[in-house]
């Protein structure tokens, strides 16, 4: 046997002939140390969890940064542009100058999503990844502004996010009609939502799903502006 304390190898016995330790007592000592260590580990984990909870709730209770009048006017103009030029139906033949500009920005993140989610090696996830990334990037931006308690930045991120809901819903609806031009002049076989609806046999509800996303987008835009307006009113000296 090998002594657990000094690692001296010897025949079986009750104590070590080299260091003199009594094996039963030393094992009991080791067991007590392990118990103390485990208790300390549990205590540290609980302490770390409590600290994370405290930090999270501290963020929630921090006051938002005020929205200045110039910022409110600028953001409101963006909402007005969305209200005027963004599509009022999921079926469109093309994009206006303003919506085309916004769409092309979102398109870059859409195409990057195919590459990003394609790294997981799942073909369905790769196809869906374009639309997912359109929503993921604004959510990441929103999380950053939320952490900083920047209400103006969070408003912009929410407008971007819900605008992408509308953009994605139009692409979803086009899976049936195939009227929108695809990037690079690709044929209908490359249409993400046509492929997804085919894969999951969702043609009976394709327009319902696209409309749900479409109206969620518009509802989110309206509610975001209401939040902005009420916040701006509350931040004014006479608010």
Protein backbone atom coordinates (compact mmCIF):
# COMPACT_ATOMS: atom_id res chain seq x y z
CA UNK A 1 0.00 0.00 0.00
CA UNK A 2 0.98 3.66 -0.41
CA UNK A 3 0.80 6.09 2.50
CA UNK A 4 -1.76 8.80 1.64
CA UNK A 5 0.36 11.42 3.39
CA UNK A 6 3.99 10.80 2.42
CA UNK A 7 3.41 8.42 -0.51
CA UNK A 8 5.76 5.83 1.00
CA UNK A 9 5.11 2.34 -0.38
CA UNK A 10 4.90 -0.41 2.26
CA UNK A 11 3.03 -3.60 3.15
CA UNK A 12 -0.52 -3.31 4.47
CA UNK A 13 -0.63 -1.94 8.02
CA UNK A 14 -2.59 0.45 10.26
CA UNK A 15 0.06 3.16 10.21
CA UNK A 16 2.93 4.38 8.06
CA UNK A 17 6.32 3.00 9.03
CA UNK A 18 7.97 6.06 7.49
CA UNK A 19 5.99 9.08 8.72
CA UNK A 20 4.03 7.40 11.50
CA UNK A 21 0.60 8.62 10.45
CA UNK A 22 -2.36 6.43 11.45
CA UNK A 23 -4.34 5.75 8.32
CA UNK A 24 -7.82 5.72 9.88
CA UNK A 25 -7.28 9.05 11.62
CA UNK A 26 -5.66 10.59 8.58
CA UNK A 27 -8.54 9.47 6.36
CA UNK A 28 -11.00 11.01 8.83
CA UNK A 29 -8.98 14.23 8.65
CA UNK A 30 -9.12 14.17 4.84
CA UNK A 31 -12.87 13.57 4.92
CA UNK A 32 -13.34 16.58 7.20
CA UNK A 33 -11.23 18.72 4.86
CA UNK A 34 -13.26 17.60 1.86
CA UNK A 35 -16.47 18.44 3.70
CA UNK A 36 -15.17 21.91 4.55
CA UNK A 37 -14.01 22.43 0.96
CA UNK A 38 -17.38 21.36 -0.45
CA UNK A 39 -19.21 23.63 1.98
CA UNK A 40 -16.94 26.52 0.99
CA UNK A 41 -17.54 25.82 -2.71
CA UNK A 42 -21.31 25.80 -2.19
CA UNK A 43 -21.08 28.98 -0.16
CA UNK A 44 -18.96 30.67 -2.84
CA UNK A 45 -21.38 29.62 -5.58
CA UNK A 46 -24.33 30.96 -3.61
CA UNK A 47 -22.41 34.17 -2.92
CA UNK A 48 -21.52 34.60 -6.61
CA UNK A 49 -25.14 33.96 -7.63
CA UNK A 50 -26.36 36.49 -5.07
CA UNK A 51 -23.85 39.05 -6.36
CA UNK A 52 -24.99 38.50 -9.96
CA UNK A 53 -28.63 38.92 -8.93
CA UNK A 54 -27.76 42.07 -7.03
CA UNK A 55 -25.86 43.47 -10.01
CA UNK A 56 -28.75 42.66 -12.37
CA UNK A 57 -31.38 44.28 -10.16
CA UNK A 58 -29.05 47.23 -9.64
CA UNK A 59 -29.17 47.80 -13.41
CA UNK A 60 -32.97 47.63 -13.38
CA UNK A 61 -33.22 50.19 -10.59
CA UNK A 62 -30.74 52.65 -12.10
CA UNK A 63 -32.51 55.68 -13.57
CA UNK A 64 -32.69 56.07 -17.33
CA UNK A 65 -30.77 58.89 -18.97
CA UNK A 66 -33.01 61.80 -19.88
CA UNK A 67 -34.22 62.29 -23.44
CA UNK A 68 -33.44 65.83 -24.61
CA UNK A 69 -35.86 67.73 -26.82
CA UNK A 70 -33.52 67.70 -29.89
CA UNK A 71 -33.08 63.94 -29.48
CA UNK A 72 -36.83 63.47 -29.13
CA UNK A 73 -37.46 65.49 -32.31
CA UNK A 74 -34.82 63.54 -34.27
CA UNK A 75 -36.15 60.16 -33.16
CA UNK A 76 -39.73 61.24 -33.82
CA UNK A 77 -38.75 62.18 -37.37
CA UNK A 78 -37.40 58.65 -37.82
CA UNK A 79 -40.71 57.24 -36.59
CA UNK A 80 -42.61 59.54 -38.98
CA UNK A 81 -40.46 58.36 -41.91
CA UNK A 82 -41.20 54.78 -40.96
CA UNK A 83 -44.89 55.57 -40.66
CA UNK A 84 -45.01 57.22 -44.09
CA UNK A 85 -42.75 55.00 -46.16
CA UNK A 86 -42.71 51.57 -44.53
CA UNK A 87 -45.05 49.05 -46.21
CA UNK A 88 -48.64 48.83 -44.94
CA UNK A 89 -49.04 45.30 -46.30
CA UNK A 90 -46.82 42.25 -46.50
CA UNK A 91 -47.10 42.06 -50.28
CA UNK A 92 -45.05 44.66 -52.12
CA UNK A 93 -43.45 44.92 -55.54
CA UNK A 94 -40.40 46.87 -54.44
CA UNK A 95 -38.89 49.25 -51.91
CA UNK A 96 -39.12 53.05 -51.78
CA UNK A 97 -35.96 55.15 -51.54
CA UNK A 98 -36.11 55.30 -47.73
CA UNK A 99 -37.21 51.72 -47.15
CA UNK A 100 -34.70 50.54 -49.76
CA UNK A 101 -31.90 52.23 -47.85
CA UNK A 102 -33.00 50.66 -44.56
CA UNK A 103 -33.54 47.29 -46.25
CA UNK A 104 -30.05 47.27 -47.76
CA UNK A 105 -28.51 47.90 -44.33
CA UNK A 106 -30.54 45.04 -42.89
CA UNK A 107 -29.68 42.88 -45.90
CA UNK A 108 -26.00 43.00 -44.96
CA UNK A 109 -26.81 41.53 -41.56
CA UNK A 110 -29.19 39.05 -43.20
CA UNK A 111 -26.48 37.65 -45.46
CA UNK A 112 -23.99 37.60 -42.58
CA UNK A 113 -26.52 35.53 -40.63
CA UNK A 114 -26.40 32.76 -43.23
CA UNK A 115 -22.63 32.55 -42.79
CA UNK A 116 -22.75 32.82 -39.00
CA UNK A 117 -25.46 30.23 -38.40
CA UNK A 118 -24.08 28.06 -41.18
CA UNK A 119 -21.08 27.42 -38.95
CA UNK A 120 -23.30 25.15 -36.82
CA UNK A 121 -23.49 22.70 -39.71
CA UNK A 122 -27.29 22.58 -39.84
CA UNK A 123 -28.81 23.46 -43.21
CA UNK A 124 -32.18 24.56 -41.80
CA UNK A 125 -30.49 26.82 -39.26
CA UNK A 126 -28.30 28.26 -41.99
CA UNK A 127 -31.37 29.15 -44.10
CA UNK A 128 -33.22 30.60 -41.10
CA UNK A 129 -30.06 32.34 -39.90
CA UNK A 130 -30.47 35.29 -42.25
CA UNK A 131 -33.79 36.36 -40.78
CA UNK A 132 -32.68 35.46 -37.26
CA UNK A 133 -29.61 37.66 -37.53
CA UNK A 134 -31.76 40.58 -38.66
CA UNK A 135 -33.46 40.39 -35.27
CA UNK A 136 -30.43 39.33 -33.23
CA UNK A 137 -28.22 42.32 -34.08
CA UNK A 138 -30.78 44.96 -32.98
CA UNK A 139 -31.41 42.91 -29.82
CA UNK A 140 -27.69 42.98 -29.00
CA UNK A 141 -27.63 46.74 -29.57
CA UNK A 142 -30.74 47.08 -27.40
CA UNK A 143 -29.09 45.10 -24.60
CA UNK A 144 -26.10 47.45 -24.70
CA UNK A 145 -28.23 50.58 -24.42
CA UNK A 146 -30.38 48.93 -21.76
CA UNK A 147 -27.28 48.22 -19.69
CA UNK A 148 -26.23 51.87 -20.03
CA UNK A 149 -29.82 52.96 -19.27
CA UNK A 150 -29.73 55.05 -22.43
CA UNK A 151 -33.38 55.57 -23.30
CA UNK A 152 -32.73 57.33 -26.61
CA UNK A 153 -30.39 54.56 -27.76
CA UNK A 154 -32.84 51.89 -26.61
CA UNK A 155 -35.61 53.63 -28.56
CA UNK A 156 -33.51 53.58 -31.72
CA UNK A 157 -32.66 49.89 -31.19
CA UNK A 158 -36.35 49.03 -30.67
CA UNK A 159 -37.32 50.93 -33.83
CA UNK A 160 -34.63 49.04 -35.73
CA UNK A 161 -35.77 45.72 -34.23
CA UNK A 162 -39.47 46.16 -35.01
CA UNK A 163 -38.64 47.55 -38.45
CA UNK A 164 -36.85 44.27 -39.07
CA UNK A 165 -39.99 42.41 -38.00
CA UNK A 166 -41.74 44.12 -40.92
CA UNK A 167 -38.83 43.44 -43.28
CA UNK A 168 -38.77 39.74 -42.36
CA UNK A 169 -42.56 39.41 -42.60
CA UNK A 170 -42.50 40.76 -46.17
CA UNK A 171 -39.84 38.21 -47.10
CA UNK A 172 -41.95 35.50 -45.46
CA UNK A 173 -45.05 36.50 -47.43
CA UNK A 174 -43.04 36.58 -50.66
CA UNK A 175 -42.27 32.90 -50.24
CA UNK A 176 -45.64 32.25 -51.90
CA UNK A 177 -45.66 35.02 -54.52
CA UNK A 178 -41.91 35.22 -55.41
CA UNK A 179 -42.18 38.84 -56.54
CA UNK A 180 -39.17 40.34 -54.76
CA UNK A 181 -35.78 40.24 -56.48
CA UNK A 182 -33.21 38.12 -54.66
CA UNK A 183 -29.66 39.27 -54.07
CA UNK A 184 -27.32 38.50 -56.95
CA UNK A 185 -30.25 37.61 -59.23
CA UNK A 186 -30.62 34.17 -57.61
CA UNK A 187 -33.58 32.07 -58.69
CA UNK A 188 -36.53 30.98 -56.55
CA UNK A 189 -34.64 27.92 -55.28
CA UNK A 190 -32.60 30.32 -53.12
CA UNK A 191 -35.65 31.93 -51.45
CA UNK A 192 -35.20 31.32 -47.71
CA UNK A 193 -38.84 31.26 -46.71
CA UNK A 194 -39.99 29.29 -49.73
CA UNK A 195 -37.51 26.62 -48.68
CA UNK A 196 -38.54 26.80 -45.01
CA UNK A 197 -42.27 26.62 -45.74
CA UNK A 198 -41.63 23.69 -48.08
CA UNK A 199 -39.44 21.92 -45.54
CA UNK A 200 -41.99 22.16 -42.73
CA UNK A 201 -45.12 22.02 -44.94
CA UNK A 202 -46.46 25.35 -43.63
CA UNK A 203 -48.19 26.59 -46.77
CA UNK A 204 -51.58 26.48 -45.06
CA UNK A 205 -50.45 29.12 -42.55
CA UNK A 206 -47.65 30.96 -44.39
CA UNK A 207 -49.61 34.20 -44.79
CA UNK A 208 -50.96 34.00 -41.25
CA UNK A 209 -47.42 33.71 -39.88
CA UNK A 210 -46.15 36.58 -42.00
CA UNK A 211 -49.07 38.78 -40.95
CA UNK A 212 -48.48 38.03 -37.28
CA UNK A 213 -44.84 39.12 -37.57
CA UNK A 214 -45.88 42.14 -39.69
CA UNK A 215 -48.42 43.47 -37.19
CA UNK A 216 -46.15 42.73 -34.24
CA UNK A 217 -43.61 44.96 -35.96
CA UNK A 218 -46.05 47.84 -36.41
CA UNK A 219 -47.44 47.46 -32.89
CA UNK A 220 -43.91 47.49 -31.50
CA UNK A 221 -43.07 50.68 -33.42
CA UNK A 222 -46.18 52.48 -32.14
CA UNK A 223 -45.65 51.36 -28.54
CA UNK A 224 -41.98 52.32 -28.68
CA UNK A 225 -42.82 55.87 -29.76
CA UNK A 226 -45.44 56.14 -26.99
CA UNK A 227 -42.77 55.09 -24.48
CA UNK A 228 -40.38 57.66 -25.94
CA UNK A 229 -43.02 60.43 -25.79
CA UNK A 230 -44.03 59.69 -22.22
CA UNK A 231 -40.37 59.51 -21.17
CA UNK A 232 -39.58 62.82 -22.86
CA UNK A 233 -42.59 64.44 -21.20
CA UNK A 234 -41.49 63.10 -17.82
CA UNK A 235 -37.93 64.36 -18.33
CA UNK A 236 -39.01 67.93 -19.11
CA UNK A 237 -38.74 70.42 -16.22
CA UNK A 238 -42.49 71.04 -16.34
CA UNK A 239 -43.26 67.40 -17.17
